[in-house]
Amino acid sequence: MTKFKLSVVIPTYKRPALLARCLEALSRQTLDRHLFHILVVGDGYDKETEDLIATLHPVFGDRLTYLYTACKMGPAAARNKGWLHADSTLIAFTDDDCIPDQLWLQEIVDAYQDEEEIVYTGSVVVPTPENPTDFEKNTAQLEVAEFITANCICTKKALHRVGGFDERFKMAWREDSDLHFKFLRAQIPIVKLKKAVVIHPARKAKWGVSIKDQKKGVYNALLAKKFPTLYQTKINHPVNALYYSLLFLLISMIILWSANLKWAFFASLAIWLFLTLKFVFMRLSGTSKSFAHVTEMVFTSILIPYLSIFWQIYGAVKYRTVYNIKF
């Protein structure tokens, strides 16, 4: 017989302030505290997190456990370590930058009818300012996502059946879609729990974060290779013509300058500038017009098309697959 009805698994790494906020919300759950256990799993050892967990022992006692992977392996591996360690029927996943509503766990337990294999997805609310940044605007898309690990709940038997998370996904990107697709392929029921709410504020992002985020495109290829039909129907979009146009123009300008065809070079440059500015204005639409944000959008918009294409092609080569590339 399992010790707890439900375990909450939270992957983290060196974000003690965000994690403390998440745990504080979990301490206010209306569900009987003896029914759930919290497993905080570090993506590698993290003394800041370990110290935080130690300070919270008087609040949670043995209902809060800190684990960590042997080295940095990504959130998929951290979640696997958590749910495999859990001694419970249900496994609820959320993230360290989330704030579960106080009724979150109660709604889950009330919905559960002792099914051996079932999956629930809750609602995600992303508070955004009237004039969000590009990062905040993108984060807000989580509200309409079909399945994300910020708020999903699975029976442990369902996770065992599909093998949990694929640890080849080393970043927080597409690992949740991979798990979703495995549940669909296994025909395990997925039920929407609208009243099981997790708030996901858009955290403060470093300047130029969108440049680093382009690397996530590598994992589009892995997901497409594993689930070509599901990827095409649920994720895929046509090739981004703007990105490839900008790449073509850049290569053309280099060739034309080398060939001393300056009139053609400047004509290509004019088109390149027009398309780049078009991309900048697309990203600025409905977002903050502060000087810092506009500057960031101009700088990153110059680089993003080429980096995105590079990482998507890199992924296709790495995983030996051909697919319609989504940007």
Protein backbone atom coordinates (compact mmCIF):
# COMPACT_ATOMS: atom_id res chain seq x y z
CA MET A 1 0.00 0.00 0.00
CA THR A 2 1.39 3.41 -0.95
CA LYS A 3 2.22 5.87 1.79
CA PHE A 4 0.80 8.95 0.05
CA LYS A 5 -2.16 9.48 -2.26
CA LEU A 6 -0.27 11.98 -4.40
CA SER A 7 3.29 13.19 -4.98
CA VAL A 8 4.24 16.58 -6.42
CA VAL A 9 7.45 16.55 -8.49
CA ILE A 10 9.25 19.86 -9.05
CA PRO A 11 12.47 20.02 -11.12
CA THR A 12 14.75 22.93 -10.27
CA TYR A 13 18.28 24.30 -10.42
CA LYS A 14 19.65 27.33 -8.57
CA ARG A 15 16.37 29.25 -8.40
CA PRO A 16 15.72 29.22 -4.63
CA ALA A 17 13.57 32.37 -4.58
CA LEU A 18 11.18 31.02 -7.22
CA LEU A 19 11.15 27.57 -5.61
CA ALA A 20 10.39 29.08 -2.19
CA ARG A 21 7.38 30.87 -3.68
CA CYS A 22 6.13 27.61 -5.23
CA LEU A 23 6.58 25.67 -1.99
CA GLU A 24 4.85 28.39 0.00
CA ALA A 25 1.82 27.96 -2.28
CA LEU A 26 1.94 24.19 -1.73
CA SER A 27 2.00 24.74 2.03
CA ARG A 28 -1.41 26.44 1.69
CA GLN A 29 -3.14 23.58 -0.13
CA THR A 30 -6.60 22.73 1.18
CA LEU A 31 -5.96 19.01 0.66
CA ASP A 32 -5.18 17.11 3.87
CA ARG A 33 -1.44 17.52 4.27
CA HIS A 34 -1.02 13.84 5.10
CA LEU A 35 -2.21 12.87 1.62
CA PHE A 36 0.58 14.43 -0.42
CA HIS A 37 4.36 14.45 -0.61
CA ILE A 38 6.61 16.94 -2.39
CA LEU A 39 9.74 15.88 -4.26
CA VAL A 40 12.07 18.71 -5.26
CA VAL A 41 14.60 17.35 -7.76
CA GLY A 42 17.74 19.29 -8.59
CA ASP A 43 19.16 19.12 -12.09
CA GLY A 44 22.52 18.40 -10.50
CA TYR A 45 23.55 19.24 -6.94
CA ASP A 46 22.61 22.72 -5.80
CA LYS A 47 23.57 23.84 -2.28
CA GLU A 48 21.23 26.85 -2.40
CA THR A 49 18.27 24.54 -2.93
CA GLU A 50 19.49 22.07 -0.34
CA ASP A 51 19.75 24.88 2.23
CA LEU A 52 16.26 26.13 1.37
CA ILE A 53 14.75 22.66 1.84
CA ALA A 54 16.48 22.39 5.22
CA THR A 55 14.89 25.64 6.40
CA LEU A 56 11.44 24.36 5.39
CA HIS A 57 11.65 21.13 7.39
CA PRO A 58 9.61 22.61 10.29
CA VAL A 59 6.81 23.41 7.81
CA PHE A 60 6.67 20.16 5.81
CA GLY A 61 8.54 17.59 7.88
CA ASP A 62 9.01 14.29 6.03
CA ARG A 63 6.50 15.41 3.37
CA LEU A 64 9.27 17.34 1.57
CA THR A 65 12.24 15.55 0.01
CA TYR A 66 15.21 16.93 -1.91
CA LEU A 67 16.84 14.75 -4.56
CA TYR A 68 19.27 15.60 -7.34
CA THR A 69 20.71 13.99 -10.44
CA ALA A 70 24.39 13.10 -10.62
CA CYS A 71 25.03 15.90 -13.13
CA LYS A 72 23.08 18.41 -15.22
CA MET A 73 20.86 16.35 -17.49
CA GLY A 74 17.84 18.59 -18.02
CA PRO A 75 14.34 18.74 -16.51
CA ALA A 76 13.20 15.49 -18.15
CA ALA A 77 15.80 13.48 -16.23
CA ALA A 78 15.02 15.37 -13.00
CA ARG A 79 11.30 14.57 -13.33
CA ASN A 80 12.08 10.90 -13.94
CA LYS A 81 14.16 10.73 -10.79
CA GLY A 82 11.29 12.31 -8.88
CA TRP A 83 8.39 10.14 -10.01
CA LEU A 84 10.42 6.92 -9.82
CA HIS A 85 11.27 7.76 -6.20
CA ALA A 86 7.66 8.67 -5.33
CA ASP A 87 5.63 6.33 -3.13
CA SER A 88 2.16 7.31 -4.33
CA THR A 89 -0.62 6.48 -6.77
CA LEU A 90 -0.75 9.88 -8.50
CA ILE A 91 2.15 12.02 -9.68
CA ALA A 92 1.56 15.76 -10.17
CA PHE A 93 4.13 17.78 -12.08
CA THR A 94 4.69 21.51 -11.84
CA ASP A 95 7.68 23.85 -12.19
CA ASP A 96 9.64 25.89 -9.68
CA ASP A 97 8.45 29.18 -11.23
CA CYS A 98 4.77 28.23 -10.84
CA ILE A 99 2.28 29.06 -8.09
CA PRO A 100 -0.34 26.33 -7.59
CA ASP A 101 -3.78 27.54 -6.58
CA GLN A 102 -4.68 26.46 -3.03
CA LEU A 103 -7.38 24.11 -4.40
CA TRP A 104 -5.04 22.53 -7.00
CA LEU A 105 -4.40 19.22 -5.27
CA GLN A 106 -7.92 18.93 -3.87
CA GLU A 107 -9.40 19.25 -7.37
CA ILE A 108 -7.10 16.47 -8.58
CA VAL A 109 -7.93 14.07 -5.77
CA ASP A 110 -11.67 14.79 -6.09
CA ALA A 111 -11.55 13.94 -9.81
CA TYR A 112 -9.60 10.72 -9.41
CA GLN A 113 -11.77 7.58 -9.41
CA ASP A 114 -9.05 4.97 -8.69
CA GLU A 115 -8.24 4.41 -12.37
CA GLU A 116 -5.00 2.48 -12.83
CA GLU A 117 -3.98 4.46 -15.91
CA ILE A 118 -5.18 8.01 -16.41
CA VAL A 119 -3.70 11.45 -17.10
CA TYR A 120 -5.05 14.87 -16.13
CA THR A 121 -4.12 18.28 -17.45
CA GLY A 122 -5.01 21.34 -15.41
CA SER A 123 -5.40 25.00 -16.35
CA VAL A 124 -2.46 27.39 -16.55
CA VAL A 125 -2.90 31.11 -15.96
CA VAL A 126 -0.15 33.50 -17.09
CA PRO A 127 -0.54 37.02 -15.65
CA THR A 128 0.86 39.56 -18.10
CA PRO A 129 1.12 43.36 -17.96
CA GLU A 130 -0.78 45.56 -20.39
CA ASN A 131 2.40 46.03 -22.43
CA PRO A 132 4.35 42.79 -22.05
CA THR A 133 7.83 42.09 -23.28
CA ASP A 134 8.33 39.66 -26.15
CA PHE A 135 9.33 37.00 -23.59
CA GLU A 136 6.20 37.62 -21.50
CA LYS A 137 4.02 37.52 -24.61
CA ASN A 138 5.50 34.16 -25.62
CA THR A 139 5.11 32.78 -22.09
CA ALA A 140 1.41 33.70 -22.20
CA GLN A 141 0.95 31.08 -24.94
CA LEU A 142 1.17 28.45 -22.19
CA GLU A 143 -2.44 29.29 -21.33
CA VAL A 144 -3.64 27.64 -24.54
CA ALA A 145 -1.17 24.74 -24.63
CA GLU A 146 -2.83 21.33 -24.85
CA PHE A 147 -0.40 19.55 -22.51
CA ILE A 148 2.45 21.03 -20.45
CA THR A 149 4.37 19.80 -17.45
CA ALA A 150 3.66 22.99 -15.51
CA ASN A 151 0.32 21.32 -14.65
CA CYS A 152 -0.12 17.68 -15.51
CA ILE A 153 -0.98 14.69 -13.36
CA CYS A 154 -0.47 11.01 -14.16
CA THR A 155 -0.93 7.73 -12.37
CA LYS A 156 2.40 6.09 -11.69
CA LYS A 157 1.28 3.06 -13.70
CA ALA A 158 0.65 5.27 -16.74
CA LEU A 159 4.15 6.70 -16.46
CA HIS A 160 5.67 3.23 -16.12
CA ARG A 161 3.78 2.03 -19.17
CA VAL A 162 5.17 4.75 -21.46
CA GLY A 163 8.62 4.87 -19.86
CA GLY A 164 8.31 8.37 -18.39
CA PHE A 165 10.22 11.25 -19.93
CA ASP A 166 12.75 10.83 -22.74
CA GLU A 167 16.00 12.08 -21.21
CA ARG A 168 17.44 12.94 -24.62
CA PHE A 169 15.46 16.17 -24.31
CA LYS A 170 18.10 18.10 -22.37
CA MET A 171 16.27 21.43 -22.29
CA ALA A 172 12.80 22.54 -21.24
CA TRP A 173 11.43 22.12 -24.74
CA ARG A 174 9.30 19.40 -26.37
CA GLU A 175 9.85 16.94 -23.50
CA ASP A 176 6.25 17.55 -22.43
CA SER A 177 4.96 17.06 -25.99
CA ASP A 178 6.93 13.81 -26.16
CA LEU A 179 5.24 12.53 -23.01
CA HIS A 180 1.86 13.69 -24.33
CA PHE A 181 2.37 11.84 -27.61
CA LYS A 182 3.40 8.66 -25.77
CA PHE A 183 0.17 8.76 -23.78
CA LEU A 184 -1.83 9.28 -26.99
CA ARG A 185 -0.06 6.39 -28.71
CA ALA A 186 -0.70 4.14 -25.70
CA GLN A 187 -4.38 5.25 -25.71
CA ILE A 188 -4.23 6.27 -22.06
CA PRO A 189 -7.16 8.60 -21.26
CA ILE A 190 -6.26 12.30 -20.91
CA VAL A 191 -8.81 14.37 -19.00
CA LYS A 192 -8.95 18.16 -18.70
CA LEU A 193 -9.39 19.52 -15.16
CA LYS A 194 -10.27 23.18 -15.69
CA LYS A 195 -10.55 23.92 -11.97
CA ALA A 196 -7.09 22.51 -11.15
CA VAL A 197 -5.24 25.79 -11.64
CA VAL A 198 -1.55 26.67 -11.61
CA ILE A 199 -0.41 30.26 -12.04
CA HIS A 200 2.70 30.63 -14.21
CA PRO A 201 4.06 34.19 -13.98
CA ALA A 202 6.53 35.14 -16.69
CA ARG A 203 9.80 35.32 -14.78
CA LYS A 204 12.35 38.05 -15.35
CA ALA A 205 14.38 37.05 -18.38
CA LYS A 206 17.93 38.07 -19.22
CA TRP A 207 18.42 40.60 -22.01
CA GLY A 208 18.62 38.75 -25.33
CA VAL A 209 17.15 35.50 -23.97
CA SER A 210 15.48 34.80 -27.34
CA ILE A 211 18.92 34.21 -28.89
CA LYS A 212 19.73 31.41 -26.46
CA ASP A 213 16.23 29.96 -26.90
CA GLN A 214 16.88 29.21 -30.58
CA LYS A 215 18.94 26.18 -29.51
CA LYS A 216 15.72 24.53 -28.39
CA GLY A 217 14.91 23.98 -32.06
CA VAL A 218 17.23 20.95 -32.03
CA TYR A 219 14.53 19.01 -30.18
CA ASN A 220 11.87 19.67 -32.78
CA ALA A 221 13.72 17.20 -34.96
CA LEU A 222 13.85 14.53 -32.25
CA LEU A 223 10.13 14.83 -31.60
CA ALA A 224 9.33 14.81 -35.33
CA LYS A 225 11.39 11.67 -35.84
CA LYS A 226 9.70 9.82 -32.99
CA PHE A 227 6.14 10.88 -33.84
CA PRO A 228 6.02 12.11 -37.47
CA THR A 229 2.21 12.06 -37.79
CA LEU A 230 1.43 13.58 -34.39
CA TYR A 231 4.15 16.19 -34.88
CA GLN A 232 2.69 17.22 -38.21
CA THR A 233 -0.91 17.41 -36.99
CA LYS A 234 -0.34 19.03 -33.59
CA ILE A 235 2.84 21.13 -33.90
CA ASN A 236 4.10 21.54 -37.42
CA HIS A 237 3.79 24.76 -39.43
CA PRO A 238 4.97 25.66 -42.94
CA VAL A 239 8.60 26.63 -43.39
CA ASN A 240 9.17 30.26 -42.36
CA ALA A 241 9.70 32.02 -45.70
CA LEU A 242 10.85 35.23 -44.02
CA TYR A 243 13.77 33.52 -42.29
CA TYR A 244 14.94 31.81 -45.46
CA SER A 245 14.52 35.00 -47.47
CA LEU A 246 16.78 36.83 -45.03
CA LEU A 247 19.35 34.04 -45.22
CA PHE A 248 19.25 34.05 -49.02
CA LEU A 249 19.70 37.83 -49.08
CA LEU A 250 22.63 37.68 -46.66
CA ILE A 251 24.43 35.08 -48.78
CA SER A 252 23.63 37.08 -51.92
CA MET A 253 25.10 40.25 -50.41
CA ILE A 254 28.34 38.47 -49.56
CA ILE A 255 28.64 37.10 -53.11
CA LEU A 256 27.69 40.38 -54.76
CA TRP A 257 30.17 42.38 -52.68
CA SER A 258 32.92 39.87 -53.49
CA ALA A 259 32.06 40.18 -57.19
CA ASN A 260 32.19 43.98 -56.94
CA LEU A 261 28.57 44.25 -58.09
CA LYS A 262 27.86 47.10 -55.73
CA TRP A 263 24.59 48.24 -57.28
CA ALA A 264 23.15 44.75 -56.84
CA PHE A 265 24.65 44.55 -53.34
CA PHE A 266 22.92 47.77 -52.24
CA ALA A 267 19.64 46.65 -53.81
CA SER A 268 19.82 43.40 -51.84
CA LEU A 269 20.79 45.33 -48.72
CA ALA A 270 17.72 47.53 -49.06
CA ILE A 271 15.44 44.47 -49.29
CA TRP A 272 17.25 42.85 -46.35
CA LEU A 273 16.76 45.97 -44.23
CA PHE A 274 13.08 46.11 -45.15
CA LEU A 275 12.44 42.47 -44.22
CA THR A 276 14.48 42.75 -41.02
CA LEU A 277 12.50 45.81 -39.94
CA LYS A 278 9.30 43.95 -40.82
CA PHE A 279 10.39 41.15 -38.46
CA VAL A 280 11.21 43.68 -35.72
CA PHE A 281 7.78 45.31 -35.99
CA MET A 282 6.08 41.89 -35.97
CA ARG A 283 7.76 41.06 -32.67
CA LEU A 284 7.03 44.49 -31.20
CA SER A 285 3.33 44.30 -32.04
CA GLY A 286 1.34 44.38 -28.79
CA THR A 287 4.45 44.52 -26.62
CA SER A 288 6.41 47.07 -24.60
CA LYS A 289 7.88 50.01 -26.50
CA SER A 290 10.45 50.89 -23.85
CA PHE A 291 13.89 51.85 -25.17
CA ALA A 292 15.55 48.76 -23.66
CA HIS A 293 12.95 46.40 -25.13
CA VAL A 294 12.98 47.99 -28.59
CA THR A 295 16.78 47.83 -28.62
CA GLU A 296 16.65 44.16 -27.62
CA MET A 297 14.12 43.37 -30.36
CA VAL A 298 16.23 45.07 -33.04
CA PHE A 299 19.44 43.31 -31.98
CA THR A 300 17.93 39.85 -31.54
CA SER A 301 15.81 40.08 -34.70
CA ILE A 302 18.98 40.46 -36.76
CA LEU A 303 20.36 37.19 -35.41
CA ILE A 304 17.34 34.98 -34.78
CA PRO A 305 16.56 33.90 -38.39
CA TYR A 306 20.07 32.51 -38.97
CA LEU A 307 20.39 30.91 -35.53
CA SER A 308 16.96 29.34 -35.81
CA ILE A 309 17.75 27.83 -39.22
CA PHE A 310 21.13 26.60 -37.97
CA TRP A 311 19.74 24.81 -34.90
CA GLN A 312 16.81 23.31 -36.79
CA ILE A 313 19.13 21.92 -39.47
CA TYR A 314 21.61 20.80 -36.81
CA GLY A 315 18.80 18.84 -35.14
CA ALA A 316 17.70 17.29 -38.44
CA VAL A 317 21.28 16.12 -39.10
CA LYS A 318 21.85 14.94 -35.52
CA TYR A 319 18.68 12.88 -35.41
CA ARG A 320 18.80 11.94 -39.11
CA THR A 321 15.36 13.11 -40.00
CA VAL A 322 13.67 15.39 -42.52
CA TYR A 323 10.63 17.37 -41.45
CA ASN A 324 8.84 20.64 -42.10
CA ILE A 325 10.69 23.11 -39.91
CA LYS A 326 8.70 25.22 -37.44
CA PHE A 327 10.03 28.53 -36.11
